[in-house]
């Protein structure tokens, strides 16, 4: 009797190594069930283990649901071995009592005595420290870097990087493109990959979809194209105007002379007196109501030959120099 009192005193005032809770909270609320909660939580008391939970189809509440629960076993479970780690305090490695006796409930990593982690996606074969940190992923963490917290599938594709991949991308935020639904690689100093980045040198802005430039440089390119087009049109008009001036004739109300034939001519009169008429136009002849340079004198004007007078405009008869021509 004294021994039972001593044991009860120890159970009330002290916490055993394998039981991190007091006797009020250490076991299931069903009498005869010694299952312990998996961790400190906000569960309402009394706490019930998974096997003794109130059935979902029970019409009774917690206070009147004793009949809806399964009967507890008549024998207490065995004590766990002394080498099983049972955390206390704020440690997150609390062990569930219904797993500590199963060999396949521990981490598969040699030398690790932690229980396997359980997620909404199922139970992993590794403990919390060796399971991928990605949501619902049960794979083992990558051994590429000691600081890795995710598996190879959810890790950044850069060999030297230990960060987790971002969303559906194969790279982390530092090495992955910032564009929506893009999983391409980008340089560390850039924001976007080559496909979504502006192709202008030293520009890190996002390119407009379907183009190679950002809105700013796209507008600049458009303005340059317009200016270039206007310059080409002006140059074309200038060439056409110059061509017309060189091939055609300048038409005025009183006369129509070709500007190219206003060249210096040396005129020798009948008396042998030499005189120069630098700006005197060459002889002309009338055709269709217009006055044109006479063909014989035009060739002489371009070659600079010496004339002895002019040719008559009607009958090619040599005559004296005339200062003007009549109609």
Protein backbone atom coordinates (compact mmCIF):
# COMPACT_ATOMS: atom_id res chain seq x y z
CA UNK A 1 0.00 0.00 0.00
CA UNK A 2 2.85 2.31 0.82
CA UNK A 3 4.42 1.52 -2.51
CA UNK A 4 1.23 2.42 -4.37
CA UNK A 5 1.07 5.75 -2.55
CA UNK A 6 4.70 6.45 -3.37
CA UNK A 7 4.15 5.61 -7.01
CA UNK A 8 1.07 7.83 -7.08
CA UNK A 9 3.04 10.67 -5.53
CA UNK A 10 5.75 10.30 -8.14
CA UNK A 11 3.15 10.25 -10.92
CA UNK A 12 1.48 13.41 -9.62
CA UNK A 13 4.48 15.58 -8.72
CA UNK A 14 7.04 14.35 -11.23
CA UNK A 15 7.03 13.67 -14.98
CA UNK A 16 8.56 10.43 -16.11
CA UNK A 17 11.15 10.37 -18.92
CA UNK A 18 8.76 8.83 -21.43
CA UNK A 19 5.72 10.93 -20.37
CA UNK A 20 6.13 14.70 -20.97
CA UNK A 21 2.74 15.59 -19.43
CA UNK A 22 1.22 15.46 -15.97
CA UNK A 23 -1.14 12.66 -15.00
CA UNK A 24 -4.19 14.78 -15.83
CA UNK A 25 -3.11 15.39 -19.43
CA UNK A 26 -0.77 12.49 -20.13
CA UNK A 27 -3.31 9.87 -21.16
CA UNK A 28 -6.57 9.45 -23.00
CA UNK A 29 -9.72 10.53 -21.19
CA UNK A 30 -11.28 7.08 -21.48
CA UNK A 31 -10.64 5.09 -18.32
CA UNK A 32 -8.16 2.30 -18.90
CA UNK A 33 -6.58 3.91 -22.00
CA UNK A 34 -3.02 5.11 -21.51
CA UNK A 35 -2.46 6.72 -24.93
CA UNK A 36 -0.73 10.13 -24.78
CA UNK A 37 -1.24 13.14 -27.05
CA UNK A 38 1.23 13.70 -29.85
CA UNK A 39 2.13 17.21 -28.69
CA UNK A 40 0.89 20.13 -26.64
CA UNK A 41 -2.07 21.50 -28.55
CA UNK A 42 -5.32 23.39 -28.24
CA UNK A 43 -7.39 20.24 -27.99
CA UNK A 44 -10.22 20.40 -25.53
CA UNK A 45 -9.91 18.39 -22.36
CA UNK A 46 -10.40 15.65 -21.62
CA UNK A 47 -8.27 14.55 -24.54
CA UNK A 48 -9.04 11.31 -26.42
CA UNK A 49 -6.72 9.29 -28.61
CA UNK A 50 -7.46 8.48 -32.25
CA UNK A 51 -8.83 5.06 -31.38
CA UNK A 52 -11.19 6.49 -28.74
CA UNK A 53 -12.43 9.54 -30.61
CA UNK A 54 -16.17 10.14 -30.76
CA UNK A 55 -17.61 8.63 -33.91
CA UNK A 56 -18.53 11.10 -36.64
CA UNK A 57 -22.07 9.73 -36.97
CA UNK A 58 -22.76 9.91 -33.26
CA UNK A 59 -25.70 12.16 -32.28
CA UNK A 60 -24.19 12.76 -28.83
CA UNK A 61 -22.03 15.66 -27.72
CA UNK A 62 -18.70 15.37 -25.90
CA UNK A 63 -20.34 15.39 -22.50
CA UNK A 64 -22.76 12.58 -23.37
CA UNK A 65 -20.70 10.70 -25.89
CA UNK A 66 -19.21 8.03 -23.66
CA UNK A 67 -21.36 5.36 -25.32
CA UNK A 68 -20.16 6.46 -28.74
CA UNK A 69 -16.55 5.65 -27.91
CA UNK A 70 -14.82 2.33 -28.19
CA UNK A 71 -13.97 0.41 -25.10
CA UNK A 72 -10.41 0.79 -23.79
CA UNK A 73 -8.17 -2.27 -23.53
CA UNK A 74 -8.05 -3.92 -20.14
CA UNK A 75 -4.25 -3.98 -20.01
CA UNK A 76 -1.84 -0.99 -19.99
CA UNK A 77 0.79 -0.68 -22.75
CA UNK A 78 4.39 -1.52 -22.08
CA UNK A 79 6.81 1.19 -21.12
CA UNK A 80 8.91 2.51 -24.03
CA UNK A 81 12.62 1.75 -24.07
CA UNK A 82 14.89 4.18 -22.25
CA UNK A 83 16.75 5.22 -25.44
CA UNK A 84 13.60 6.59 -27.08
CA UNK A 85 13.73 10.38 -27.11
CA UNK A 86 10.73 11.98 -25.44
CA UNK A 87 10.91 15.77 -25.71
CA UNK A 88 9.45 18.17 -23.19
CA UNK A 89 8.92 21.92 -23.15
CA UNK A 90 8.69 23.72 -26.49
CA UNK A 91 10.35 20.96 -28.54
CA UNK A 92 8.37 19.91 -31.60
CA UNK A 93 9.65 16.32 -31.53
CA UNK A 94 6.90 14.95 -29.33
CA UNK A 95 6.34 11.25 -29.89
CA UNK A 96 2.96 9.64 -30.33
CA UNK A 97 2.55 6.79 -27.89
CA UNK A 98 1.10 4.38 -30.42
CA UNK A 99 4.27 4.51 -32.56
CA UNK A 100 7.16 4.25 -30.13
CA UNK A 101 7.05 0.47 -30.05
CA UNK A 102 6.94 -0.06 -33.86
CA UNK A 103 10.37 -0.44 -35.52
CA UNK A 104 9.09 0.96 -38.84
CA UNK A 105 7.97 4.18 -37.15
CA UNK A 106 11.47 5.63 -36.86
CA UNK A 107 13.49 7.59 -39.40
CA UNK A 108 15.27 5.47 -41.99
CA UNK A 109 18.47 7.49 -41.71
CA UNK A 110 21.07 5.41 -39.87
CA UNK A 111 21.71 6.72 -36.38
CA UNK A 112 18.51 8.80 -36.20
CA UNK A 113 16.07 7.83 -33.43
CA UNK A 114 13.34 10.33 -34.33
CA UNK A 115 9.90 9.20 -35.36
CA UNK A 116 8.79 9.60 -38.93
CA UNK A 117 6.95 12.77 -39.83
CA UNK A 118 3.25 12.65 -40.61
CA UNK A 119 1.70 15.18 -42.98
CA UNK A 120 -1.68 15.59 -44.59
CA UNK A 121 -0.30 13.73 -47.58
CA UNK A 122 0.60 10.70 -45.49
CA UNK A 123 3.49 9.42 -43.42
CA UNK A 124 7.05 10.01 -44.53
CA UNK A 125 9.85 7.49 -44.17
CA UNK A 126 11.99 10.17 -42.60
CA UNK A 127 11.75 12.33 -39.50
CA UNK A 128 10.92 16.03 -39.51
CA UNK A 129 14.60 16.99 -39.75
CA UNK A 130 15.18 14.79 -42.81
CA UNK A 131 11.85 15.18 -44.67
CA UNK A 132 11.34 17.73 -47.43
CA UNK A 133 10.02 21.00 -46.07
CA UNK A 134 7.67 21.48 -49.02
CA UNK A 135 3.97 21.15 -48.32
CA UNK A 136 2.67 17.56 -48.57
CA UNK A 137 6.04 16.30 -49.86
CA UNK A 138 7.23 13.10 -48.16
CA UNK A 139 10.60 12.76 -49.91
CA UNK A 140 13.98 12.85 -48.22
CA UNK A 141 15.87 16.13 -48.07
CA UNK A 142 18.62 16.65 -50.60
CA UNK A 143 22.22 15.96 -49.57
CA UNK A 144 23.64 18.48 -52.02
CA UNK A 145 24.19 21.10 -49.30
CA UNK A 146 24.15 20.66 -45.50
CA UNK A 147 21.68 23.52 -45.19
CA UNK A 148 19.14 22.05 -47.63
CA UNK A 149 15.56 21.88 -46.32
CA UNK A 150 13.86 20.42 -49.41
CA UNK A 151 14.22 17.43 -51.68
CA UNK A 152 15.86 17.53 -55.12
CA UNK A 153 12.53 18.09 -56.85
CA UNK A 154 11.64 21.14 -54.75
CA UNK A 155 15.16 22.60 -54.60
CA UNK A 156 16.69 25.26 -56.80
CA UNK A 157 18.23 23.90 -60.00
CA UNK A 158 21.48 25.80 -59.45
CA UNK A 159 24.08 23.42 -58.05
CA UNK A 160 25.59 25.86 -55.56
CA UNK A 161 22.21 27.14 -54.26
CA UNK A 162 20.51 25.65 -51.18
CA UNK A 163 17.20 27.53 -51.47
CA UNK A 164 13.82 25.99 -52.23
CA UNK A 165 12.32 26.27 -55.69
CA UNK A 166 9.64 28.91 -56.18
CA UNK A 167 6.16 27.68 -57.07
CA UNK A 168 6.19 25.68 -60.31
CA UNK A 169 9.61 26.96 -61.24
CA UNK A 170 12.78 24.88 -61.10
CA UNK A 171 14.69 27.74 -59.50
CA UNK A 172 14.48 29.82 -56.35
CA UNK A 173 13.46 33.47 -56.24
CA UNK A 174 17.05 34.56 -56.77
CA UNK A 175 17.68 32.41 -59.85
CA UNK A 176 14.14 32.12 -61.28
CA UNK A 177 12.39 34.48 -63.68
CA UNK A 178 9.89 36.86 -62.06
CA UNK A 179 7.45 36.66 -64.97
CA UNK A 180 4.15 34.85 -64.37
CA UNK A 181 4.16 31.12 -65.11
CA UNK A 182 7.81 31.20 -66.21
CA UNK A 183 10.28 28.64 -64.88
CA UNK A 184 13.35 29.77 -66.83
CA UNK A 185 16.73 30.67 -65.33
CA UNK A 186 17.79 34.29 -64.89
CA UNK A 187 21.04 35.93 -63.94
CA UNK A 188 21.47 36.91 -60.30
CA UNK A 189 21.54 40.65 -61.11
CA UNK A 190 18.45 40.47 -63.33
CA UNK A 191 14.73 40.19 -62.67
CA UNK A 192 13.68 38.26 -65.76
CA UNK A 193 15.04 35.59 -68.07
CA UNK A 194 16.33 36.36 -71.57
CA UNK A 195 12.90 35.69 -73.04
CA UNK A 196 11.06 38.20 -70.81
CA UNK A 197 13.80 40.81 -70.34
CA UNK A 198 14.26 43.89 -72.51
CA UNK A 199 17.00 43.31 -75.08
CA UNK A 200 18.34 46.84 -74.80
CA UNK A 201 21.79 46.92 -73.18
CA UNK A 202 21.79 47.51 -69.40
CA UNK A 203 17.99 47.49 -69.24
CA UNK A 204 16.43 45.15 -66.66
CA UNK A 205 12.76 45.96 -67.32
CA UNK A 206 10.21 43.42 -68.48
CA UNK A 207 9.62 43.24 -72.22
CA UNK A 208 6.16 43.77 -73.69
CA UNK A 209 4.61 40.38 -74.61
CA UNK A 210 5.39 39.55 -78.21
CA UNK A 211 8.28 42.03 -78.45
CA UNK A 212 11.93 42.27 -77.40
CA UNK A 213 11.77 45.63 -75.65
CA UNK A 214 10.15 47.22 -72.63
CA UNK A 215 7.46 49.92 -73.12
CA UNK A 216 10.00 52.73 -72.81
CA UNK A 217 12.45 51.45 -75.40
CA UNK A 218 9.63 50.24 -77.62
CA UNK A 219 8.32 53.81 -77.83
CA UNK A 220 11.83 55.11 -78.52
CA UNK A 221 12.27 52.58 -81.33
CA UNK A 222 8.94 53.61 -82.84
CA UNK A 223 9.93 57.28 -82.81
CA UNK A 224 13.28 56.51 -84.41
CA UNK A 225 11.58 54.54 -87.15
CA UNK A 226 9.21 57.42 -87.85
CA UNK A 227 12.06 59.94 -87.95
CA UNK A 228 14.04 57.69 -90.25
CA UNK A 229 11.06 57.30 -92.56
CA UNK A 230 10.51 61.07 -92.71
CA UNK A 231 14.21 61.66 -93.44
CA UNK A 232 14.13 59.10 -96.26
CA UNK A 233 11.06 60.73 -97.78
CA UNK A 234 12.71 64.14 -97.65
CA UNK A 235 15.88 62.80 -99.24
CA UNK A 236 13.81 61.14 -101.95
CA UNK A 237 11.94 64.36 -102.69
CA UNK A 238 15.21 66.26 -102.78
CA UNK A 239 16.71 63.84 -105.30
CA UNK A 240 13.61 63.95 -107.48
CA UNK A 241 13.64 67.74 -107.46
CA UNK A 242 17.33 67.82 -108.35
CA UNK A 243 16.73 65.34 -111.14
CA UNK A 244 13.93 67.43 -112.57
CA UNK A 245 16.08 70.55 -112.46
CA UNK A 246 18.96 68.81 -114.25
CA UNK A 247 16.80 67.18 -116.94
CA UNK A 248 14.06 69.76 -117.44
CA UNK A 249 13.98 73.47 -118.12
CA UNK A 250 13.15 76.35 -115.89
CA UNK A 251 10.01 77.94 -117.27
CA UNK A 252 9.35 81.64 -116.89
CA UNK A 253 6.72 83.92 -118.47
CA UNK A 254 9.08 85.65 -120.99
CA UNK A 255 11.82 83.17 -121.74
CA UNK A 256 12.84 79.58 -121.09
CA UNK A 257 16.60 79.11 -121.00
CA UNK A 258 18.55 76.13 -119.81
CA UNK A 259 20.60 77.19 -116.82
CA UNK A 260 23.45 74.84 -117.65
CA UNK A 261 24.40 76.70 -120.84
CA UNK A 262 25.21 80.02 -119.17
CA UNK A 263 28.97 79.51 -119.68
CA UNK A 264 31.58 82.04 -120.81
CA UNK A 265 31.85 82.34 -124.63
CA UNK A 266 34.59 84.03 -126.59
CA UNK A 267 33.07 86.02 -129.44
CA UNK A 268 35.24 87.27 -132.35
CA UNK A 269 33.62 89.91 -134.54
CA UNK A 270 34.18 90.38 -138.24
CA UNK A 271 36.69 93.14 -137.62
CA UNK A 272 38.87 90.85 -135.51
CA UNK A 273 38.06 92.51 -132.18
CA UNK A 274 37.99 89.97 -129.29
CA UNK A 275 35.29 90.43 -126.68
CA UNK A 276 34.03 88.23 -123.78
CA UNK A 277 30.41 87.86 -122.82
CA UNK A 278 30.42 85.83 -119.64
CA UNK A 279 26.71 85.96 -118.92
CA UNK A 280 25.29 86.27 -122.39
CA UNK A 281 22.97 83.37 -123.15
CA UNK A 282 23.55 81.20 -126.14
CA UNK A 283 21.48 81.71 -129.31
CA UNK A 284 18.02 80.27 -129.22
CA UNK A 285 15.48 79.03 -131.70
CA UNK A 286 11.72 78.83 -131.48
CA UNK A 287 9.93 75.48 -131.27
CA UNK A 288 6.26 75.17 -130.51
CA UNK A 289 6.03 78.65 -129.06
CA UNK A 290 9.06 78.13 -126.74
CA UNK A 291 12.65 79.26 -127.12
CA UNK A 292 15.44 76.67 -126.86
CA UNK A 293 19.24 76.93 -127.32
CA UNK A 294 20.29 76.41 -130.90
CA UNK A 295 21.80 72.94 -131.26
CA UNK A 296 24.99 73.99 -133.07
CA UNK A 297 25.75 76.79 -130.64
CA UNK A 298 24.81 74.67 -127.58
CA UNK A 299 27.58 72.15 -128.28
CA UNK A 300 30.07 74.93 -128.84
CA UNK A 301 29.06 76.57 -125.59
CA UNK A 302 29.75 73.40 -123.59
CA UNK A 303 33.13 72.78 -125.22
CA UNK A 304 34.27 76.39 -125.09
CA UNK A 305 35.00 76.68 -128.82
CA UNK A 306 35.61 80.03 -130.53
CA UNK A 307 32.84 81.38 -132.74
CA UNK A 308 32.99 83.93 -135.46
CA UNK A 309 29.59 85.38 -134.95
CA UNK A 310 26.35 83.49 -134.50
CA UNK A 311 24.24 81.35 -136.73
CA UNK A 312 20.96 82.67 -137.88
CA UNK A 313 18.00 81.03 -136.20
CA UNK A 314 16.25 80.37 -139.53
CA UNK A 315 18.68 79.47 -142.25
CA UNK A 316 22.03 78.72 -140.52
CA UNK A 317 23.49 81.82 -142.18
CA UNK A 318 26.42 83.36 -140.37
CA UNK A 319 25.66 86.86 -139.17
CA UNK A 320 27.04 89.48 -136.83
CA UNK A 321 26.74 89.18 -133.05
CA UNK A 322 23.35 90.08 -131.72
CA UNK A 323 22.68 91.31 -128.24
CA UNK A 324 19.11 90.05 -128.26
CA UNK A 325 16.77 87.92 -130.27
CA UNK A 326 13.48 88.96 -131.67
CA UNK A 327 10.36 86.94 -131.98
